[in-house]
Amino acid sequence: MRFLTNVLVDTILFVAISGFFPANFYVASVGIALLAAVVLAVLNWLVRPIITILSLPINLLTLGLFTLVINGLMLELTAVIVGAGFRFSSFWMAILVAVLMSVVSWVIAEYFRKP
């Protein structure tokens, strides 16, 4: 259930954020956003733990800020896998989208958290 909820929230966020930054972050359709959300969820499940462990020393040195770069890399990798209907103008835009998605996802999770 949590997987489906995360995919749905990410799909909505992809569409919404691309509406705010149409020149820098392009999502062709809601279907592409859904595909990208599924790809991102699978990448976060399979690839992210490996990258997080390998980057642990630099993550400790930067007090966790390197996690933003990892999130941006996951989004860039998602864009490569999904293809032309989902793209970023730059790596910095991918990092900005990752930050926005993290903040909004955290707010949504806190709102729906059971007391």
Protein backbone atom coordinates (compact mmCIF):
# COMPACT_ATOMS: atom_id res chain seq x y z
CA MET A 1 0.00 0.00 0.00
CA ARG A 2 2.83 2.38 0.85
CA PHE A 3 4.45 1.75 -2.55
CA LEU A 4 1.26 2.73 -4.38
CA THR A 5 0.81 5.80 -2.20
CA ASN A 6 4.38 6.95 -2.90
CA VAL A 7 3.94 6.38 -6.64
CA LEU A 8 0.69 8.34 -6.67
CA VAL A 9 2.16 11.24 -4.68
CA ASP A 10 5.28 11.31 -6.89
CA THR A 11 3.12 11.29 -10.04
CA ILE A 12 1.14 14.28 -8.81
CA LEU A 13 4.32 16.08 -7.75
CA PHE A 14 5.98 15.49 -11.13
CA VAL A 15 3.01 17.02 -12.94
CA ALA A 16 2.71 19.92 -10.50
CA ILE A 17 6.41 20.79 -10.40
CA SER A 18 6.70 20.60 -14.18
CA GLY A 19 3.88 23.14 -14.32
CA PHE A 20 5.91 25.55 -12.19
CA PHE A 21 9.12 25.08 -14.22
CA PRO A 22 7.95 24.31 -17.78
CA ALA A 23 11.21 25.39 -19.44
CA ASN A 24 13.46 23.48 -17.04
CA PHE A 25 11.51 20.32 -16.19
CA TYR A 26 9.41 18.64 -18.86
CA VAL A 27 6.81 15.93 -18.34
CA ALA A 28 4.88 15.05 -21.50
CA SER A 29 1.76 13.62 -19.86
CA VAL A 30 0.29 12.16 -16.71
CA GLY A 31 1.06 8.68 -18.07
CA ILE A 32 4.73 9.58 -18.45
CA ALA A 33 4.67 11.02 -14.91
CA LEU A 34 3.19 7.74 -13.64
CA LEU A 35 5.84 5.73 -15.49
CA ALA A 36 8.57 7.99 -14.08
CA ALA A 37 7.17 7.59 -10.56
CA VAL A 38 7.23 3.80 -10.87
CA VAL A 39 10.78 3.86 -12.29
CA LEU A 40 11.90 6.20 -9.49
CA ALA A 41 10.35 3.94 -6.86
CA VAL A 42 12.12 0.88 -8.27
CA LEU A 43 15.43 2.76 -8.49
CA ASN A 44 15.05 3.97 -4.92
CA TRP A 45 14.41 0.38 -3.86
CA LEU A 46 17.24 -1.26 -5.82
CA VAL A 47 19.98 1.27 -6.60
CA ARG A 48 19.75 3.92 -3.90
CA PRO A 49 20.85 1.70 -0.98
CA ILE A 50 24.02 0.72 -2.86
CA ILE A 51 24.85 4.32 -3.76
CA THR A 52 24.11 5.45 -0.20
CA ILE A 53 26.50 2.89 1.27
CA LEU A 54 29.24 3.67 -1.26
CA SER A 55 28.92 7.42 -0.63
CA LEU A 56 28.79 7.14 3.16
CA PRO A 57 32.20 8.80 3.75
CA ILE A 58 31.36 11.87 1.66
CA ASN A 59 27.88 11.97 3.16
CA LEU A 60 29.40 12.08 6.64
CA LEU A 61 31.83 14.83 5.60
CA THR A 62 29.01 16.96 4.20
CA LEU A 63 26.75 16.26 7.19
CA GLY A 64 24.19 14.55 4.99
CA LEU A 65 23.97 17.20 2.27
CA PHE A 66 25.34 14.78 -0.30
CA THR A 67 21.98 13.03 -0.03
CA LEU A 68 20.60 15.87 -2.18
CA VAL A 69 23.07 14.92 -4.90
CA ILE A 70 22.03 11.27 -4.62
CA ASN A 71 18.37 12.30 -4.97
CA GLY A 72 19.25 14.35 -8.04
CA LEU A 73 21.15 11.40 -9.50
CA MET A 74 18.13 9.15 -8.99
CA LEU A 75 15.94 11.65 -10.85
CA GLU A 76 18.48 11.99 -13.68
CA LEU A 77 18.68 8.20 -13.96
CA THR A 78 14.88 8.09 -14.05
CA ALA A 79 14.92 10.62 -16.91
CA VAL A 80 17.41 8.49 -18.85
CA ILE A 81 15.30 5.34 -18.40
CA VAL A 82 11.92 6.98 -19.13
CA GLY A 83 13.16 8.84 -22.21
CA ALA A 84 12.16 11.95 -24.10
CA GLY A 85 8.85 12.58 -22.32
CA PHE A 86 10.59 13.23 -19.01
CA ARG A 87 13.67 15.46 -18.86
CA PHE A 88 15.53 18.10 -16.89
CA SER A 89 17.35 21.08 -18.33
CA SER A 90 20.30 20.53 -15.98
CA PHE A 91 21.51 18.48 -13.07
CA TRP A 92 20.84 21.45 -10.76
CA MET A 93 17.20 21.41 -11.83
CA ALA A 94 17.05 17.71 -10.95
CA ILE A 95 18.43 18.56 -7.49
CA LEU A 96 15.87 21.36 -7.08
CA VAL A 97 13.04 19.01 -8.06
CA ALA A 98 14.40 16.41 -5.63
CA VAL A 99 14.42 18.97 -2.81
CA LEU A 100 10.88 20.12 -3.60
CA MET A 101 9.63 16.53 -3.80
CA SER A 102 11.29 15.64 -0.50
CA VAL A 103 9.80 18.61 1.33
CA VAL A 104 6.30 18.16 -0.06
CA SER A 105 6.37 14.38 0.51
CA TRP A 106 7.45 14.95 4.09
CA VAL A 107 4.64 17.48 4.66
CA ILE A 108 2.08 15.09 3.17
CA ALA A 109 3.39 12.19 5.26
CA GLU A 110 3.21 14.28 8.44
CA TYR A 111 -0.33 15.40 7.62
CA PHE A 112 -1.58 11.84 7.17
CA ARG A 113 0.49 10.31 9.97
CA LYS A 114 -1.66 8.56 12.53
CA PRO A 115 -1.39 9.96 16.07
